[in-house]
N, C-alpha and C. Protein backbone atom coordinates (compact mmCIF):
# COMPACT_ATOMS: atom_id res chain seq x y z
N MET A 1 74.81 9.36 -18.84
CA MET A 1 73.35 9.51 -18.77
C MET A 1 72.98 10.90 -19.29
N SER A 2 71.92 10.95 -20.11
CA SER A 2 71.49 12.23 -20.69
C SER A 2 70.81 13.06 -19.61
N ASP A 3 70.67 14.34 -19.93
CA ASP A 3 69.98 15.24 -18.98
C ASP A 3 68.55 14.80 -18.76
N ASP A 4 67.89 14.35 -19.88
CA ASP A 4 66.49 13.92 -19.74
C ASP A 4 66.38 12.72 -18.81
N GLY A 5 67.30 11.77 -18.95
CA GLY A 5 67.27 10.59 -18.09
C GLY A 5 67.52 10.96 -16.64
N LEU A 6 68.45 11.89 -16.42
CA LEU A 6 68.75 12.34 -15.06
C LEU A 6 67.55 13.00 -14.43
N PHE A 7 66.88 13.86 -15.22
CA PHE A 7 65.69 14.56 -14.70
C PHE A 7 64.58 13.57 -14.35
N ARG A 8 64.42 12.54 -15.21
CA ARG A 8 63.37 11.55 -14.94
C ARG A 8 63.67 10.79 -13.66
N GLU A 9 64.94 10.43 -13.49
CA GLU A 9 65.32 9.67 -12.30
C GLU A 9 65.09 10.50 -11.04
N VAL A 10 65.47 11.77 -11.10
CA VAL A 10 65.26 12.66 -9.95
C VAL A 10 63.78 12.83 -9.68
N ASP A 11 63.00 12.98 -10.76
CA ASP A 11 61.55 13.17 -10.63
C ASP A 11 60.90 11.95 -9.99
N GLU A 12 61.34 10.76 -10.40
CA GLU A 12 60.80 9.52 -9.82
C GLU A 12 61.15 9.40 -8.35
N GLU A 13 62.35 9.79 -7.99
CA GLU A 13 62.76 9.73 -6.59
C GLU A 13 61.94 10.71 -5.75
N VAL A 14 61.71 11.89 -6.32
CA VAL A 14 60.90 12.89 -5.60
C VAL A 14 59.49 12.36 -5.38
N ARG A 15 58.91 11.75 -6.45
CA ARG A 15 57.56 11.22 -6.33
C ARG A 15 57.51 10.08 -5.30
N SER A 16 58.53 9.24 -5.32
CA SER A 16 58.58 8.13 -4.36
C SER A 16 58.65 8.65 -2.94
N ASP A 17 59.45 9.70 -2.73
CA ASP A 17 59.56 10.29 -1.40
C ASP A 17 58.21 10.87 -0.96
N LYS A 18 57.51 11.53 -1.89
CA LYS A 18 56.21 12.14 -1.56
C LYS A 18 55.19 11.06 -1.22
N ILE A 19 55.21 9.97 -2.01
CA ILE A 19 54.28 8.87 -1.74
C ILE A 19 54.57 8.26 -0.38
N ALA A 20 55.86 8.08 -0.07
CA ALA A 20 56.25 7.52 1.22
C ALA A 20 55.79 8.41 2.35
N GLN A 21 55.94 9.74 2.15
CA GLN A 21 55.52 10.68 3.18
C GLN A 21 54.00 10.64 3.37
N ILE A 22 53.29 10.58 2.23
CA ILE A 22 51.82 10.53 2.30
C ILE A 22 51.36 9.26 3.00
N TRP A 23 51.97 8.12 2.63
CA TRP A 23 51.59 6.85 3.24
C TRP A 23 51.88 6.84 4.73
N LYS A 24 53.05 7.42 5.11
CA LYS A 24 53.43 7.47 6.51
C LYS A 24 52.43 8.30 7.30
N ARG A 25 51.95 9.35 6.65
CA ARG A 25 51.05 10.29 7.34
C ARG A 25 49.60 9.79 7.35
N PHE A 26 49.16 9.22 6.20
CA PHE A 26 47.75 8.87 6.07
C PHE A 26 47.50 7.37 5.88
N GLY A 27 48.53 6.56 5.93
CA GLY A 27 48.38 5.14 5.67
C GLY A 27 47.35 4.46 6.57
N ASN A 28 47.43 4.74 7.87
CA ASN A 28 46.49 4.13 8.81
C ASN A 28 45.05 4.51 8.51
N LEU A 29 44.88 5.80 8.13
CA LEU A 29 43.53 6.26 7.79
C LEU A 29 43.01 5.56 6.54
N MET A 30 43.90 5.36 5.54
CA MET A 30 43.50 4.67 4.32
C MET A 30 43.10 3.24 4.61
N ILE A 31 43.89 2.57 5.43
CA ILE A 31 43.58 1.19 5.79
C ILE A 31 42.25 1.12 6.54
N ALA A 32 42.06 2.05 7.47
CA ALA A 32 40.81 2.08 8.23
C ALA A 32 39.62 2.32 7.31
N GLY A 33 39.81 3.21 6.32
CA GLY A 33 38.74 3.50 5.38
C GLY A 33 38.39 2.28 4.55
N CYS A 34 39.40 1.55 4.10
CA CYS A 34 39.17 0.33 3.31
C CYS A 34 38.43 -0.72 4.15
N VAL A 35 38.87 -0.87 5.40
CA VAL A 35 38.22 -1.84 6.29
C VAL A 35 36.76 -1.45 6.52
N ALA A 36 36.54 -0.14 6.74
CA ALA A 36 35.17 0.34 6.98
C ALA A 36 34.29 0.08 5.76
N LEU A 37 34.86 0.27 4.56
CA LEU A 37 34.11 0.03 3.32
C LEU A 37 33.73 -1.44 3.19
N VAL A 38 34.71 -2.31 3.48
CA VAL A 38 34.45 -3.76 3.40
C VAL A 38 33.37 -4.16 4.40
N VAL A 39 33.46 -3.62 5.62
CA VAL A 39 32.47 -3.92 6.65
C VAL A 39 31.09 -3.43 6.24
N ALA A 40 31.04 -2.21 5.67
CA ALA A 40 29.76 -1.64 5.25
C ALA A 40 29.12 -2.47 4.14
N VAL A 41 29.94 -2.86 3.16
CA VAL A 41 29.42 -3.68 2.06
C VAL A 41 28.94 -5.03 2.60
N GLY A 42 29.74 -5.62 3.49
CA GLY A 42 29.35 -6.89 4.08
C GLY A 42 28.07 -6.78 4.89
N GLY A 43 27.96 -5.69 5.63
CA GLY A 43 26.74 -5.46 6.42
C GLY A 43 25.52 -5.29 5.54
N PHE A 44 25.68 -4.55 4.44
CA PHE A 44 24.56 -4.33 3.52
C PHE A 44 24.12 -5.64 2.88
N LYS A 45 25.10 -6.45 2.46
CA LYS A 45 24.78 -7.74 1.87
C LYS A 45 24.08 -8.63 2.89
N GLY A 46 24.54 -8.56 4.13
CA GLY A 46 23.90 -9.35 5.18
C GLY A 46 22.48 -8.90 5.42
N TRP A 47 22.26 -7.58 5.40
CA TRP A 47 20.90 -7.04 5.57
C TRP A 47 20.00 -7.47 4.42
N GLN A 48 20.53 -7.44 3.18
CA GLN A 48 19.75 -7.88 2.03
C GLN A 48 19.35 -9.35 2.18
N TYR A 49 20.28 -10.17 2.62
CA TYR A 49 20.00 -11.59 2.80
C TYR A 49 18.92 -11.78 3.88
N TRP A 50 19.05 -11.04 4.97
CA TRP A 50 18.07 -11.13 6.05
C TRP A 50 16.69 -10.72 5.57
N GLN A 51 16.63 -9.65 4.77
CA GLN A 51 15.35 -9.19 4.23
C GLN A 51 14.74 -10.24 3.31
N ALA A 52 15.58 -10.86 2.49
CA ALA A 52 15.10 -11.90 1.57
C ALA A 52 14.53 -13.09 2.35
N GLN A 53 15.24 -13.49 3.41
CA GLN A 53 14.78 -14.60 4.24
C GLN A 53 13.47 -14.25 4.94
N LEU A 54 13.39 -13.00 5.41
CA LEU A 54 12.18 -12.55 6.09
C LEU A 54 10.99 -12.53 5.14
N ALA A 55 11.23 -12.04 3.92
CA ALA A 55 10.16 -11.99 2.92
C ALA A 55 9.71 -13.39 2.53
N GLU A 56 10.67 -14.30 2.40
CA GLU A 56 10.33 -15.68 2.02
C GLU A 56 9.47 -16.34 3.09
N LYS A 57 9.85 -16.17 4.35
CA LYS A 57 9.07 -16.76 5.44
C LYS A 57 7.69 -16.13 5.52
N ALA A 58 7.63 -14.79 5.40
CA ALA A 58 6.34 -14.11 5.46
C ALA A 58 5.44 -14.55 4.32
N GLY A 59 6.05 -14.75 3.14
CA GLY A 59 5.28 -15.20 1.99
C GLY A 59 4.70 -16.59 2.21
N MET A 60 5.48 -17.49 2.77
CA MET A 60 5.00 -18.84 3.05
C MET A 60 3.89 -18.81 4.10
N ASP A 61 4.07 -17.97 5.12
CA ASP A 61 3.03 -17.84 6.16
C ASP A 61 1.74 -17.27 5.56
N TRP A 62 1.92 -16.33 4.64
CA TRP A 62 0.78 -15.69 3.98
C TRP A 62 -0.04 -16.71 3.20
N TYR A 63 0.62 -17.48 2.36
CA TYR A 63 -0.09 -18.47 1.55
C TYR A 63 -0.71 -19.56 2.42
N SER A 64 -0.06 -19.90 3.51
CA SER A 64 -0.63 -20.89 4.44
C SER A 64 -1.91 -20.34 5.07
N ALA A 65 -1.88 -19.06 5.45
CA ALA A 65 -3.07 -18.44 6.06
C ALA A 65 -4.22 -18.37 5.06
N ILE A 66 -3.90 -18.03 3.81
CA ILE A 66 -4.93 -17.97 2.77
C ILE A 66 -5.54 -19.36 2.55
N ALA A 67 -4.67 -20.38 2.52
CA ALA A 67 -5.14 -21.76 2.32
C ALA A 67 -6.07 -22.18 3.46
N LEU A 68 -5.72 -21.83 4.68
CA LEU A 68 -6.55 -22.16 5.83
C LEU A 68 -7.91 -21.45 5.74
N SER A 69 -7.86 -20.20 5.33
CA SER A 69 -9.10 -19.43 5.20
C SER A 69 -10.00 -20.01 4.12
N ASP A 70 -9.40 -20.34 2.96
CA ASP A 70 -10.17 -20.91 1.85
C ASP A 70 -10.77 -22.27 2.21
N ALA A 71 -10.06 -22.99 3.09
CA ALA A 71 -10.53 -24.32 3.49
C ALA A 71 -11.59 -24.25 4.59
N GLY A 72 -11.88 -23.04 5.05
CA GLY A 72 -12.89 -22.87 6.09
C GLY A 72 -12.37 -23.03 7.50
N ASN A 73 -11.06 -23.14 7.65
CA ASN A 73 -10.46 -23.24 8.99
C ASN A 73 -10.28 -21.83 9.57
N THR A 74 -11.39 -21.22 9.91
CA THR A 74 -11.39 -19.82 10.31
C THR A 74 -10.51 -19.52 11.51
N ALA A 75 -10.63 -20.34 12.54
CA ALA A 75 -9.86 -20.08 13.76
C ALA A 75 -8.36 -20.17 13.50
N GLU A 76 -7.94 -21.19 12.76
CA GLU A 76 -6.52 -21.35 12.46
C GLU A 76 -6.04 -20.24 11.54
N ALA A 77 -6.88 -19.84 10.58
CA ALA A 77 -6.51 -18.76 9.67
C ALA A 77 -6.33 -17.45 10.44
N GLU A 78 -7.21 -17.23 11.42
CA GLU A 78 -7.12 -16.02 12.23
C GLU A 78 -5.80 -15.96 12.98
N VAL A 79 -5.39 -17.09 13.54
CA VAL A 79 -4.12 -17.16 14.26
C VAL A 79 -2.95 -16.90 13.30
N ALA A 80 -3.04 -17.48 12.11
CA ALA A 80 -1.97 -17.31 11.12
C ALA A 80 -1.87 -15.86 10.67
N PHE A 81 -3.01 -15.26 10.38
CA PHE A 81 -3.00 -13.86 9.96
C PHE A 81 -2.49 -12.95 11.08
N ASP A 82 -2.90 -13.24 12.30
CA ASP A 82 -2.45 -12.44 13.44
C ASP A 82 -0.94 -12.52 13.60
N ARG A 83 -0.39 -13.73 13.37
CA ARG A 83 1.06 -13.90 13.48
C ARG A 83 1.78 -13.06 12.41
N ILE A 84 1.21 -12.99 11.22
CA ILE A 84 1.83 -12.20 10.15
C ILE A 84 1.76 -10.71 10.45
N THR A 85 0.63 -10.26 10.98
CA THR A 85 0.49 -8.83 11.29
C THR A 85 1.50 -8.37 12.33
N LYS A 86 1.96 -9.29 13.17
CA LYS A 86 2.92 -8.95 14.21
C LYS A 86 4.37 -9.22 13.78
N SER A 87 4.53 -9.64 12.52
CA SER A 87 5.88 -9.94 12.02
C SER A 87 6.63 -8.66 11.68
N ASN A 88 7.89 -8.82 11.31
CA ASN A 88 8.73 -7.66 10.96
C ASN A 88 8.63 -7.28 9.49
N HIS A 89 7.83 -8.03 8.73
CA HIS A 89 7.71 -7.74 7.30
C HIS A 89 6.49 -6.86 7.08
N LYS A 90 6.75 -5.58 6.82
CA LYS A 90 5.68 -4.59 6.74
C LYS A 90 4.66 -4.90 5.65
N GLY A 91 5.15 -5.30 4.46
CA GLY A 91 4.24 -5.53 3.34
C GLY A 91 3.23 -6.62 3.62
N TYR A 92 3.70 -7.79 4.04
CA TYR A 92 2.79 -8.90 4.31
C TYR A 92 1.93 -8.63 5.55
N ALA A 93 2.46 -7.87 6.48
CA ALA A 93 1.68 -7.54 7.67
C ALA A 93 0.45 -6.72 7.29
N VAL A 94 0.62 -5.78 6.37
CA VAL A 94 -0.51 -4.96 5.92
C VAL A 94 -1.50 -5.82 5.15
N LEU A 95 -1.01 -6.68 4.26
CA LEU A 95 -1.90 -7.56 3.51
C LEU A 95 -2.69 -8.47 4.44
N ALA A 96 -2.04 -8.94 5.49
CA ALA A 96 -2.72 -9.80 6.45
C ALA A 96 -3.84 -9.03 7.16
N LYS A 97 -3.58 -7.78 7.50
CA LYS A 97 -4.62 -6.96 8.14
C LYS A 97 -5.81 -6.77 7.20
N LEU A 98 -5.53 -6.50 5.93
CA LEU A 98 -6.61 -6.31 4.97
C LEU A 98 -7.41 -7.60 4.79
N SER A 99 -6.73 -8.73 4.80
CA SER A 99 -7.43 -10.02 4.67
C SER A 99 -8.29 -10.29 5.90
N GLN A 100 -7.75 -9.97 7.07
CA GLN A 100 -8.53 -10.14 8.30
C GLN A 100 -9.79 -9.28 8.25
N ALA A 101 -9.64 -8.05 7.83
CA ALA A 101 -10.78 -7.14 7.77
C ALA A 101 -11.82 -7.63 6.76
N ALA A 102 -11.35 -8.12 5.62
CA ALA A 102 -12.28 -8.63 4.60
C ALA A 102 -13.07 -9.82 5.14
N ARG A 103 -12.40 -10.72 5.85
CA ARG A 103 -13.08 -11.89 6.40
C ARG A 103 -14.09 -11.47 7.46
N LEU A 104 -13.71 -10.53 8.32
CA LEU A 104 -14.63 -10.04 9.35
C LEU A 104 -15.85 -9.38 8.72
N GLY A 105 -15.63 -8.66 7.63
CA GLY A 105 -16.74 -8.03 6.93
C GLY A 105 -17.70 -9.06 6.36
N GLN A 106 -17.17 -10.14 5.81
CA GLN A 106 -18.00 -11.20 5.27
C GLN A 106 -18.80 -11.91 6.36
N GLU A 107 -18.24 -11.93 7.55
CA GLU A 107 -18.92 -12.57 8.67
C GLU A 107 -19.91 -11.63 9.35
N GLY A 108 -20.05 -10.41 8.84
CA GLY A 108 -20.99 -9.47 9.41
C GLY A 108 -20.46 -8.69 10.59
N LYS A 109 -19.17 -8.84 10.87
CA LYS A 109 -18.55 -8.12 12.00
C LYS A 109 -18.01 -6.79 11.48
N THR A 110 -18.94 -5.94 11.10
CA THR A 110 -18.59 -4.69 10.42
C THR A 110 -17.70 -3.78 11.27
N ALA A 111 -18.06 -3.61 12.52
CA ALA A 111 -17.30 -2.70 13.39
C ALA A 111 -15.84 -3.14 13.52
N ASP A 112 -15.63 -4.45 13.70
CA ASP A 112 -14.25 -4.95 13.82
C ASP A 112 -13.48 -4.78 12.51
N ALA A 113 -14.16 -5.04 11.40
CA ALA A 113 -13.51 -4.90 10.10
C ALA A 113 -13.13 -3.45 9.83
N VAL A 114 -14.06 -2.55 10.09
CA VAL A 114 -13.81 -1.12 9.84
C VAL A 114 -12.68 -0.62 10.72
N LYS A 115 -12.61 -1.12 11.94
CA LYS A 115 -11.53 -0.72 12.85
C LYS A 115 -10.17 -1.05 12.25
N ILE A 116 -10.05 -2.23 11.65
CA ILE A 116 -8.78 -2.63 11.02
C ILE A 116 -8.51 -1.78 9.79
N TYR A 117 -9.55 -1.59 8.96
CA TYR A 117 -9.37 -0.76 7.77
C TYR A 117 -8.93 0.66 8.15
N ASP A 118 -9.54 1.20 9.18
CA ASP A 118 -9.19 2.56 9.61
C ASP A 118 -7.75 2.63 10.10
N SER A 119 -7.29 1.58 10.76
CA SER A 119 -5.91 1.58 11.25
C SER A 119 -4.92 1.56 10.09
N VAL A 120 -5.24 0.82 9.03
CA VAL A 120 -4.38 0.79 7.85
C VAL A 120 -4.41 2.14 7.15
N ALA A 121 -5.61 2.71 7.02
CA ALA A 121 -5.75 4.00 6.33
C ALA A 121 -5.02 5.12 7.06
N ALA A 122 -4.89 5.00 8.38
CA ALA A 122 -4.26 6.06 9.18
C ALA A 122 -2.77 5.86 9.36
N ASP A 123 -2.25 4.74 8.88
CA ASP A 123 -0.82 4.42 9.05
C ASP A 123 0.00 5.06 7.94
N GLY A 124 0.72 6.11 8.28
CA GLY A 124 1.50 6.84 7.28
C GLY A 124 2.64 6.04 6.66
N SER A 125 3.02 4.93 7.29
CA SER A 125 4.10 4.12 6.73
C SER A 125 3.61 3.15 5.66
N VAL A 126 2.29 3.05 5.53
CA VAL A 126 1.71 2.16 4.51
C VAL A 126 1.65 2.90 3.18
N ASP A 127 1.90 2.17 2.10
CA ASP A 127 1.84 2.77 0.76
C ASP A 127 0.46 3.38 0.52
N GLN A 128 0.43 4.52 -0.15
CA GLN A 128 -0.82 5.26 -0.36
C GLN A 128 -1.92 4.42 -1.03
N PRO A 129 -1.61 3.64 -2.06
CA PRO A 129 -2.68 2.83 -2.68
C PRO A 129 -3.37 1.89 -1.69
N LEU A 130 -2.60 1.31 -0.76
CA LEU A 130 -3.20 0.42 0.23
C LEU A 130 -4.01 1.21 1.26
N GLN A 131 -3.55 2.40 1.60
CA GLN A 131 -4.33 3.26 2.49
C GLN A 131 -5.68 3.60 1.85
N ASP A 132 -5.64 3.94 0.57
CA ASP A 132 -6.87 4.29 -0.15
C ASP A 132 -7.79 3.08 -0.28
N LEU A 133 -7.20 1.91 -0.54
CA LEU A 133 -8.00 0.69 -0.62
C LEU A 133 -8.73 0.43 0.68
N ALA A 134 -8.05 0.63 1.79
CA ALA A 134 -8.67 0.42 3.10
C ALA A 134 -9.84 1.38 3.30
N ARG A 135 -9.67 2.63 2.88
CA ARG A 135 -10.75 3.62 3.01
C ARG A 135 -11.97 3.22 2.19
N VAL A 136 -11.73 2.74 0.97
CA VAL A 136 -12.84 2.36 0.09
C VAL A 136 -13.56 1.13 0.63
N ARG A 137 -12.82 0.14 1.08
CA ARG A 137 -13.44 -1.08 1.61
C ARG A 137 -14.27 -0.78 2.86
N ALA A 138 -13.75 0.11 3.69
CA ALA A 138 -14.52 0.52 4.86
C ALA A 138 -15.80 1.23 4.43
N GLY A 139 -15.69 2.03 3.37
CA GLY A 139 -16.87 2.73 2.86
C GLY A 139 -17.95 1.78 2.40
N TYR A 140 -17.58 0.73 1.70
CA TYR A 140 -18.56 -0.26 1.26
C TYR A 140 -19.25 -0.92 2.45
N LEU A 141 -18.48 -1.21 3.50
CA LEU A 141 -19.07 -1.85 4.67
C LEU A 141 -20.03 -0.93 5.42
N LEU A 142 -19.76 0.37 5.36
CA LEU A 142 -20.55 1.34 6.12
C LEU A 142 -21.72 1.93 5.35
N VAL A 143 -21.85 1.54 4.08
CA VAL A 143 -22.84 2.20 3.22
C VAL A 143 -24.28 2.03 3.73
N ASP A 144 -24.54 0.95 4.45
CA ASP A 144 -25.90 0.70 4.94
C ASP A 144 -26.19 1.31 6.30
N THR A 145 -25.18 1.82 6.96
CA THR A 145 -25.38 2.27 8.35
C THR A 145 -24.89 3.68 8.63
N THR A 146 -24.04 4.20 7.78
CA THR A 146 -23.40 5.49 8.07
C THR A 146 -24.01 6.61 7.24
N GLY A 147 -24.10 7.80 7.83
CA GLY A 147 -24.66 8.95 7.14
C GLY A 147 -23.81 9.40 5.96
N ILE A 148 -24.44 10.12 5.06
CA ILE A 148 -23.75 10.59 3.85
C ILE A 148 -22.56 11.47 4.19
N SER A 149 -22.74 12.37 5.14
CA SER A 149 -21.67 13.31 5.47
C SER A 149 -20.42 12.58 5.97
N ASP A 150 -20.62 11.53 6.76
CA ASP A 150 -19.49 10.77 7.27
C ASP A 150 -18.79 10.03 6.14
N LEU A 151 -19.56 9.45 5.21
CA LEU A 151 -18.96 8.75 4.08
C LEU A 151 -18.19 9.72 3.18
N VAL A 152 -18.77 10.89 2.95
CA VAL A 152 -18.10 11.90 2.13
C VAL A 152 -16.77 12.30 2.78
N SER A 153 -16.79 12.46 4.09
CA SER A 153 -15.57 12.82 4.82
C SER A 153 -14.53 11.70 4.73
N ARG A 154 -14.97 10.48 4.88
CA ARG A 154 -14.06 9.33 4.83
C ARG A 154 -13.40 9.18 3.46
N LEU A 155 -14.18 9.44 2.42
CA LEU A 155 -13.73 9.17 1.05
C LEU A 155 -13.29 10.44 0.31
N LYS A 156 -13.13 11.52 1.05
CA LYS A 156 -12.76 12.80 0.45
C LYS A 156 -11.51 12.68 -0.41
N GLY A 157 -11.62 13.17 -1.64
CA GLY A 157 -10.49 13.19 -2.56
C GLY A 157 -10.42 11.96 -3.46
N LEU A 158 -11.03 10.87 -3.04
CA LEU A 158 -10.94 9.63 -3.83
C LEU A 158 -11.93 9.61 -4.99
N ASP A 159 -12.85 10.59 -5.02
CA ASP A 159 -13.80 10.66 -6.14
C ASP A 159 -13.37 11.68 -7.19
N ALA A 160 -12.15 12.21 -7.05
CA ALA A 160 -11.65 13.18 -8.02
C ALA A 160 -11.49 12.52 -9.39
N GLY A 161 -11.52 13.35 -10.43
CA GLY A 161 -11.49 12.84 -11.79
C GLY A 161 -10.25 12.04 -12.14
N ASN A 162 -9.15 12.26 -11.41
CA ASN A 162 -7.91 11.53 -11.70
C ASN A 162 -7.65 10.40 -10.70
N SER A 163 -8.61 10.13 -9.85
CA SER A 163 -8.44 9.08 -8.84
C SER A 163 -8.84 7.72 -9.41
N SER A 164 -8.04 6.72 -9.12
CA SER A 164 -8.36 5.36 -9.56
C SER A 164 -9.56 4.79 -8.82
N TRP A 165 -9.90 5.40 -7.71
CA TRP A 165 -10.99 4.90 -6.88
C TRP A 165 -12.30 5.62 -7.13
N ARG A 166 -12.34 6.56 -8.06
CA ARG A 166 -13.53 7.40 -8.24
C ARG A 166 -14.78 6.58 -8.55
N HIS A 167 -14.63 5.52 -9.32
CA HIS A 167 -15.79 4.72 -9.70
C HIS A 167 -16.42 4.07 -8.46
N ALA A 168 -15.57 3.46 -7.63
CA ALA A 168 -16.07 2.79 -6.42
C ALA A 168 -16.69 3.80 -5.46
N VAL A 169 -16.05 4.95 -5.30
CA VAL A 169 -16.56 5.96 -4.37
C VAL A 169 -17.92 6.47 -4.84
N ARG A 170 -18.06 6.69 -6.14
CA ARG A 170 -19.35 7.15 -6.66
C ARG A 170 -20.44 6.10 -6.43
N GLU A 171 -20.09 4.83 -6.56
CA GLU A 171 -21.08 3.78 -6.31
C GLU A 171 -21.47 3.78 -4.84
N ILE A 172 -20.48 3.92 -3.95
CA ILE A 172 -20.78 3.95 -2.52
C ILE A 172 -21.72 5.10 -2.19
N LEU A 173 -21.42 6.28 -2.71
CA LEU A 173 -22.26 7.45 -2.42
C LEU A 173 -23.64 7.31 -3.04
N ALA A 174 -23.73 6.69 -4.22
CA ALA A 174 -25.04 6.48 -4.85
C ALA A 174 -25.89 5.55 -3.98
N LEU A 175 -25.31 4.45 -3.53
CA LEU A 175 -26.05 3.50 -2.70
C LEU A 175 -26.46 4.13 -1.38
N ALA A 176 -25.55 4.93 -0.80
CA ALA A 176 -25.87 5.59 0.46
C ALA A 176 -27.02 6.58 0.29
N ASN A 177 -27.04 7.28 -0.83
CA ASN A 177 -28.12 8.23 -1.09
C ASN A 177 -29.45 7.51 -1.34
N VAL A 178 -29.40 6.37 -1.99
CA VAL A 178 -30.62 5.58 -2.17
C VAL A 178 -31.17 5.17 -0.81
N ARG A 179 -30.28 4.69 0.06
CA ARG A 179 -30.71 4.29 1.41
C ARG A 179 -31.31 5.47 2.16
N ALA A 180 -30.73 6.65 1.96
CA ALA A 180 -31.20 7.85 2.67
C ALA A 180 -32.46 8.44 2.02
N GLY A 181 -32.83 7.92 0.86
CA GLY A 181 -34.03 8.43 0.19
C GLY A 181 -33.79 9.63 -0.69
N ASP A 182 -32.54 10.00 -0.88
CA ASP A 182 -32.21 11.13 -1.75
C ASP A 182 -31.91 10.57 -3.15
N TYR A 183 -32.97 10.25 -3.88
CA TYR A 183 -32.82 9.58 -5.16
C TYR A 183 -32.20 10.47 -6.24
N LYS A 184 -32.42 11.75 -6.13
CA LYS A 184 -31.84 12.68 -7.10
C LYS A 184 -30.32 12.69 -6.97
N ALA A 185 -29.84 12.77 -5.73
CA ALA A 185 -28.39 12.74 -5.49
C ALA A 185 -27.80 11.41 -5.94
N ALA A 186 -28.56 10.34 -5.71
CA ALA A 186 -28.09 9.02 -6.15
C ALA A 186 -27.99 8.98 -7.67
N GLU A 187 -28.98 9.54 -8.34
CA GLU A 187 -28.96 9.55 -9.81
C GLU A 187 -27.74 10.32 -10.34
N GLU A 188 -27.39 11.41 -9.69
CA GLU A 188 -26.24 12.20 -10.12
C GLU A 188 -24.95 11.38 -10.05
N GLN A 189 -24.80 10.62 -8.98
CA GLN A 189 -23.61 9.77 -8.84
C GLN A 189 -23.61 8.66 -9.89
N LEU A 190 -24.77 8.07 -10.14
CA LEU A 190 -24.85 7.01 -11.14
C LEU A 190 -24.54 7.54 -12.54
N ASN A 191 -25.01 8.73 -12.82
CA ASN A 191 -24.74 9.33 -14.14
C ASN A 191 -23.25 9.61 -14.32
N LEU A 192 -22.57 9.99 -13.24
CA LEU A 192 -21.13 10.20 -13.31
C LEU A 192 -20.41 8.90 -13.65
N ILE A 193 -20.89 7.81 -13.07
CA ILE A 193 -20.29 6.50 -13.35
C ILE A 193 -20.49 6.13 -14.82
N LEU A 194 -21.70 6.31 -15.31
CA LEU A 194 -22.02 5.93 -16.69
C LEU A 194 -21.33 6.83 -17.71
N ALA A 195 -21.09 8.08 -17.34
CA ALA A 195 -20.47 9.03 -18.28
C ALA A 195 -18.95 8.85 -18.36
N ASP A 196 -18.39 8.14 -17.41
CA ASP A 196 -16.93 7.95 -17.35
C ASP A 196 -16.54 6.78 -18.24
N THR A 197 -15.78 7.05 -19.28
CA THR A 197 -15.40 5.99 -20.22
C THR A 197 -14.47 4.96 -19.60
N ALA A 198 -13.85 5.28 -18.48
CA ALA A 198 -12.92 4.36 -17.83
C ALA A 198 -13.60 3.48 -16.77
N THR A 199 -14.92 3.60 -16.63
CA THR A 199 -15.63 2.79 -15.64
C THR A 199 -15.49 1.31 -15.97
N PRO A 200 -15.11 0.48 -15.00
CA PRO A 200 -14.99 -0.97 -15.25
C PRO A 200 -16.31 -1.57 -15.72
N ALA A 201 -16.22 -2.58 -16.55
CA ALA A 201 -17.42 -3.16 -17.16
C ALA A 201 -18.41 -3.69 -16.13
N ALA A 202 -17.90 -4.38 -15.11
CA ALA A 202 -18.78 -4.96 -14.09
C ALA A 202 -19.54 -3.87 -13.34
N LEU A 203 -18.84 -2.79 -13.00
CA LEU A 203 -19.48 -1.68 -12.30
C LEU A 203 -20.49 -0.99 -13.20
N ARG A 204 -20.17 -0.85 -14.47
CA ARG A 204 -21.11 -0.22 -15.41
C ARG A 204 -22.40 -1.03 -15.51
N THR A 205 -22.26 -2.35 -15.53
CA THR A 205 -23.44 -3.21 -15.59
C THR A 205 -24.30 -3.05 -14.35
N ARG A 206 -23.67 -3.05 -13.18
CA ARG A 206 -24.42 -2.85 -11.94
C ARG A 206 -25.12 -1.49 -11.94
N THR A 207 -24.42 -0.49 -12.42
CA THR A 207 -24.96 0.87 -12.41
C THR A 207 -26.18 0.98 -13.31
N VAL A 208 -26.14 0.33 -14.46
CA VAL A 208 -27.28 0.35 -15.38
C VAL A 208 -28.51 -0.26 -14.70
N LEU A 209 -28.30 -1.37 -13.99
CA LEU A 209 -29.40 -2.04 -13.31
C LEU A 209 -29.98 -1.17 -12.19
N VAL A 210 -29.09 -0.59 -11.38
CA VAL A 210 -29.54 0.26 -10.27
C VAL A 210 -30.24 1.51 -10.81
N SER A 211 -29.69 2.08 -11.88
CA SER A 211 -30.27 3.28 -12.46
C SER A 211 -31.68 3.01 -12.99
N ALA A 212 -31.88 1.85 -13.61
CA ALA A 212 -33.19 1.50 -14.14
C ALA A 212 -34.22 1.38 -13.02
N GLN A 213 -33.81 0.78 -11.90
CA GLN A 213 -34.71 0.66 -10.76
C GLN A 213 -34.99 2.02 -10.12
N LEU A 214 -33.98 2.86 -10.15
CA LEU A 214 -34.11 4.18 -9.53
C LEU A 214 -35.10 5.06 -10.27
N GLN A 215 -35.24 4.86 -11.57
CA GLN A 215 -36.13 5.70 -12.36
C GLN A 215 -37.58 5.60 -11.89
N THR A 216 -37.93 4.44 -11.34
CA THR A 216 -39.31 4.28 -10.85
C THR A 216 -39.55 5.06 -9.56
N LEU A 217 -38.48 5.46 -8.91
CA LEU A 217 -38.61 6.19 -7.65
C LEU A 217 -38.52 7.70 -7.83
N LEU A 218 -37.87 8.13 -8.90
CA LEU A 218 -37.65 9.55 -9.09
C LEU A 218 -38.92 10.39 -9.19
N PRO A 219 -39.97 9.95 -9.90
CA PRO A 219 -41.18 10.78 -9.98
C PRO A 219 -41.77 11.10 -8.63
N ALA A 220 -41.67 10.16 -7.68
CA ALA A 220 -42.21 10.39 -6.34
C ALA A 220 -41.52 11.53 -5.64
N THR A 221 -40.23 11.75 -5.93
CA THR A 221 -39.49 12.84 -5.29
C THR A 221 -39.86 14.18 -5.88
N ALA A 222 -40.40 14.15 -7.10
CA ALA A 222 -40.74 15.42 -7.76
C ALA A 222 -42.07 15.94 -7.32
N ASN A 223 -42.90 15.07 -6.73
CA ASN A 223 -44.23 15.48 -6.31
C ASN A 223 -44.18 16.08 -4.89
């Protein structure tokens, strides 16, 4: 046998001994680690499956509640929505609350609707867009009864130039100012809506109509 072959054989034996020593010392830990990894992966997959099942059930309950509401079965729809709000699926629970509030608003139960909207807006676990939506919807419901200062406080920040809700907030404040008799302030809000190139077409049309009617009132404020 050549020297090179002898050295390789010795080297392999040394490595085998080291591996045996390492396995003897850490083998149990390695096995435990592998088992823990398998359990963790299995647990995660199980959690994903559970979430998927939960979302599927919540989705079916959601569409059933909407169908009941559209069919005019108010009492049954209320029960269905209430069941969803108490479910473990956060997303559909929030949507159910918003739907409940919208229905209550349509029925003239403003205080109850606003209470739900305020609870969604104050819930830090709810996605920000839905929190903002709740604030805006509450603002529309309160426009005929709440003072300007309260509405401004409620909608603070949503009328900023980079806010997706600025158009709706400006309309709310314009309508509130008309109700309060401050036609000049209302005109300023309407002009902001008309000057914004991103204003939705439907809102722009409403604003043009309101602005035209407002012009007949403005001279009286100047006298």
